[in-house]
N, C-alpha and C. Protein backbone atom coordinates (compact mmCIF):
# COMPACT_ATOMS: atom_id res chain seq x y z
N MET A 1 16.17 141.27 185.90
CA MET A 1 16.74 140.11 185.26
C MET A 1 16.20 138.83 185.91
N ARG A 2 16.00 138.88 187.23
CA ARG A 2 15.50 137.70 187.92
C ARG A 2 14.09 137.36 187.46
N ALA A 3 13.25 138.36 187.32
CA ALA A 3 11.88 138.13 186.86
C ALA A 3 11.89 137.50 185.47
N LEU A 4 12.77 137.96 184.60
CA LEU A 4 12.86 137.40 183.25
C LEU A 4 13.34 135.95 183.30
N THR A 5 14.29 135.67 184.15
CA THR A 5 14.78 134.30 184.30
C THR A 5 13.66 133.36 184.74
N LEU A 6 12.87 133.80 185.71
CA LEU A 6 11.74 132.99 186.19
C LEU A 6 10.69 132.84 185.10
N ALA A 7 10.41 133.90 184.37
CA ALA A 7 9.40 133.85 183.31
C ALA A 7 9.82 132.93 182.18
N LYS A 8 11.11 132.87 181.88
CA LYS A 8 11.60 132.00 180.80
C LYS A 8 11.35 130.53 181.11
N ARG A 9 11.28 130.18 182.40
CA ARG A 9 10.99 128.79 182.78
C ARG A 9 9.56 128.41 182.41
N GLU A 10 8.66 129.37 182.41
CA GLU A 10 7.26 129.11 182.10
C GLU A 10 6.93 129.33 180.63
N ALA A 11 7.64 130.25 180.00
CA ALA A 11 7.34 130.60 178.60
C ALA A 11 8.66 130.64 177.83
N SER A 12 9.01 129.54 177.22
CA SER A 12 10.29 129.44 176.52
C SER A 12 10.42 130.42 175.36
N ILE A 13 9.29 130.96 174.90
CA ILE A 13 9.33 131.95 173.82
C ILE A 13 10.09 133.19 174.26
N LEU A 14 10.23 133.39 175.56
CA LEU A 14 10.94 134.55 176.09
C LEU A 14 12.46 134.36 176.09
N ASP A 15 12.95 133.22 175.61
CA ASP A 15 14.39 132.96 175.60
C ASP A 15 15.18 134.01 174.83
N GLY A 16 14.58 134.62 173.82
CA GLY A 16 15.26 135.62 173.02
C GLY A 16 15.23 137.03 173.62
N VAL A 17 14.55 137.18 174.74
CA VAL A 17 14.43 138.49 175.39
C VAL A 17 15.61 138.69 176.34
N GLN A 18 16.15 139.91 176.32
CA GLN A 18 17.26 140.25 177.21
C GLN A 18 17.00 141.60 177.85
N VAL A 19 17.55 141.77 179.06
CA VAL A 19 17.47 143.05 179.75
C VAL A 19 18.72 143.84 179.38
N LYS A 20 18.52 145.04 178.84
CA LYS A 20 19.64 145.89 178.47
C LYS A 20 20.16 146.63 179.70
N GLU A 21 21.32 147.29 179.57
CA GLU A 21 21.93 148.00 180.70
C GLU A 21 21.02 149.05 181.30
N ASP A 22 20.18 149.68 180.49
CA ASP A 22 19.30 150.73 181.00
C ASP A 22 18.00 150.17 181.59
N GLY A 23 17.87 148.83 181.64
CA GLY A 23 16.69 148.19 182.21
C GLY A 23 15.58 147.92 181.22
N SER A 24 15.72 148.39 179.99
CA SER A 24 14.71 148.12 178.98
C SER A 24 14.87 146.69 178.47
N LEU A 25 13.83 146.22 177.80
CA LEU A 25 13.85 144.85 177.28
C LEU A 25 14.11 144.85 175.79
N GLU A 26 14.96 143.95 175.36
CA GLU A 26 15.27 143.80 173.95
C GLU A 26 14.74 142.45 173.50
N GLY A 27 14.01 142.43 172.39
CA GLY A 27 13.50 141.18 171.84
C GLY A 27 12.09 140.83 172.28
N LEU A 28 11.42 141.73 172.98
CA LEU A 28 10.06 141.46 173.42
C LEU A 28 9.10 141.92 172.33
N THR A 29 9.01 141.11 171.28
CA THR A 29 8.17 141.42 170.13
C THR A 29 7.40 140.17 169.73
N GLY A 30 6.40 140.35 168.90
CA GLY A 30 5.65 139.23 168.34
C GLY A 30 5.08 138.31 169.40
N GLU A 31 5.37 137.01 169.25
CA GLU A 31 4.84 136.01 170.18
C GLU A 31 5.36 136.21 171.59
N ALA A 32 6.59 136.70 171.72
CA ALA A 32 7.15 136.94 173.05
C ALA A 32 6.34 138.01 173.78
N MET A 33 5.85 138.99 173.04
CA MET A 33 5.04 140.06 173.65
C MET A 33 3.78 139.49 174.26
N GLU A 34 3.22 138.46 173.63
CA GLU A 34 2.01 137.84 174.15
C GLU A 34 2.25 137.16 175.50
N GLN A 35 3.47 136.79 175.78
CA GLN A 35 3.80 136.15 177.05
C GLN A 35 4.37 137.16 178.07
N GLY A 36 4.31 138.42 177.72
CA GLY A 36 4.81 139.46 178.61
C GLY A 36 4.12 139.48 179.96
N GLU A 37 2.87 139.00 180.00
CA GLU A 37 2.15 138.97 181.28
C GLU A 37 2.82 138.04 182.28
N VAL A 38 3.47 137.00 181.80
CA VAL A 38 4.21 136.09 182.68
C VAL A 38 5.37 136.84 183.33
N LEU A 39 6.05 137.64 182.53
CA LEU A 39 7.16 138.44 183.03
C LEU A 39 6.69 139.46 184.05
N VAL A 40 5.60 140.15 183.76
CA VAL A 40 5.06 141.15 184.68
C VAL A 40 4.63 140.49 185.99
N ALA A 41 4.01 139.33 185.90
CA ALA A 41 3.58 138.63 187.11
C ALA A 41 4.77 138.29 188.00
N HIS A 42 5.85 137.84 187.41
CA HIS A 42 7.04 137.52 188.21
C HIS A 42 7.68 138.78 188.79
N LEU A 43 7.68 139.85 188.03
CA LEU A 43 8.22 141.11 188.52
C LEU A 43 7.43 141.59 189.74
N ILE A 44 6.11 141.56 189.65
CA ILE A 44 5.27 141.98 190.77
C ILE A 44 5.48 141.05 191.97
N GLY A 45 5.59 139.77 191.72
CA GLY A 45 5.83 138.82 192.81
C GLY A 45 7.14 139.08 193.52
N LEU A 46 8.18 139.39 192.76
CA LEU A 46 9.47 139.70 193.38
C LEU A 46 9.42 141.00 194.15
N LEU A 47 8.74 142.00 193.60
CA LEU A 47 8.58 143.26 194.34
C LEU A 47 7.90 143.01 195.68
N GLU A 48 6.84 142.23 195.66
CA GLU A 48 6.13 141.93 196.90
C GLU A 48 7.04 141.23 197.91
N THR A 49 7.86 140.31 197.43
CA THR A 49 8.78 139.59 198.30
C THR A 49 9.80 140.53 198.94
N PHE A 50 10.35 141.43 198.14
CA PHE A 50 11.44 142.27 198.63
C PHE A 50 11.00 143.53 199.37
N ILE A 51 9.88 144.13 198.97
CA ILE A 51 9.49 145.40 199.60
C ILE A 51 8.15 145.32 200.32
N GLY A 52 7.47 144.20 200.22
CA GLY A 52 6.21 144.01 200.92
C GLY A 52 5.00 144.32 200.06
N GLU A 53 3.88 143.79 200.51
CA GLU A 53 2.64 143.92 199.75
C GLU A 53 2.15 145.37 199.68
N ALA A 54 2.17 146.08 200.81
CA ALA A 54 1.61 147.44 200.84
C ALA A 54 2.35 148.37 199.89
N LEU A 55 3.67 148.35 199.94
CA LEU A 55 4.45 149.23 199.06
C LEU A 55 4.32 148.82 197.61
N THR A 56 4.27 147.52 197.34
CA THR A 56 4.09 147.05 195.97
C THR A 56 2.76 147.54 195.42
N LEU A 57 1.69 147.41 196.21
CA LEU A 57 0.38 147.88 195.76
C LEU A 57 0.38 149.39 195.53
N ARG A 58 1.08 150.13 196.37
CA ARG A 58 1.17 151.58 196.19
C ARG A 58 1.89 151.92 194.89
N LEU A 59 2.99 151.22 194.61
CA LEU A 59 3.73 151.46 193.37
C LEU A 59 2.89 151.10 192.15
N LEU A 60 2.16 149.99 192.23
CA LEU A 60 1.30 149.59 191.11
C LEU A 60 0.21 150.63 190.89
N HIS A 61 -0.35 151.14 191.97
CA HIS A 61 -1.39 152.16 191.83
C HIS A 61 -0.81 153.44 191.22
N ASP A 62 0.41 153.81 191.59
CA ASP A 62 1.05 154.99 191.00
C ASP A 62 1.30 154.80 189.51
N ALA A 63 1.70 153.58 189.13
CA ALA A 63 2.01 153.30 187.73
C ALA A 63 0.75 153.11 186.90
N TRP A 64 -0.26 152.47 187.49
CA TRP A 64 -1.52 152.16 186.80
C TRP A 64 -2.69 152.63 187.66
N PRO A 65 -3.01 153.92 187.64
CA PRO A 65 -4.08 154.44 188.50
C PRO A 65 -5.44 153.79 188.27
N ASP A 66 -5.70 153.28 187.07
CA ASP A 66 -6.99 152.67 186.77
C ASP A 66 -7.05 151.18 187.11
N LEU A 67 -5.98 150.65 187.64
CA LEU A 67 -5.93 149.24 188.01
C LEU A 67 -6.90 148.98 189.16
N PRO A 68 -7.78 147.99 189.03
CA PRO A 68 -8.70 147.70 190.14
C PRO A 68 -7.93 147.34 191.40
N VAL A 69 -8.40 147.81 192.52
CA VAL A 69 -7.75 147.52 193.80
C VAL A 69 -8.58 146.46 194.51
N PHE A 70 -7.91 145.45 195.01
CA PHE A 70 -8.58 144.40 195.75
C PHE A 70 -8.25 144.55 197.22
N ASP A 71 -9.26 144.46 198.07
CA ASP A 71 -9.07 144.48 199.51
C ASP A 71 -9.26 143.07 200.03
N ILE A 72 -8.46 142.71 201.00
CA ILE A 72 -8.60 141.41 201.64
C ILE A 72 -9.35 141.64 202.95
N THR A 73 -10.46 140.95 203.11
CA THR A 73 -11.24 141.07 204.33
C THR A 73 -10.58 140.24 205.43
N PRO A 74 -10.96 140.48 206.68
CA PRO A 74 -10.38 139.67 207.78
C PRO A 74 -10.60 138.18 207.60
N GLU A 75 -11.62 137.79 206.85
CA GLU A 75 -11.89 136.38 206.61
C GLU A 75 -11.02 135.81 205.50
N GLY A 76 -10.19 136.67 204.86
CA GLY A 76 -9.32 136.21 203.79
C GLY A 76 -9.96 136.24 202.43
N LYS A 77 -11.18 136.81 202.34
CA LYS A 77 -11.87 136.90 201.05
C LYS A 77 -11.50 138.20 200.36
N GLN A 78 -11.43 138.15 199.02
CA GLN A 78 -11.13 139.35 198.24
C GLN A 78 -12.40 140.07 197.88
N SER A 79 -12.33 141.40 197.90
CA SER A 79 -13.43 142.22 197.41
C SER A 79 -12.85 143.35 196.60
N ILE A 80 -13.64 143.88 195.67
CA ILE A 80 -13.17 144.99 194.84
C ILE A 80 -13.56 146.29 195.48
């Protein structure tokens, strides 16, 4: 619910979307679906805040095995 609240601030089209009791989303159709990436970005950001980067990346890899993995070098640069 928190991720949706944050996403609604950036994409007002998501105002009609609600989280149901089972955690599914209601109203994420049409134009709202196009802004779903904003919601996912906030969800991932909150996961990282609460459980840390390493565990969040592990969960993302489990959910999306084909997702490219980025490594951060000691210099702070990203590499694939």
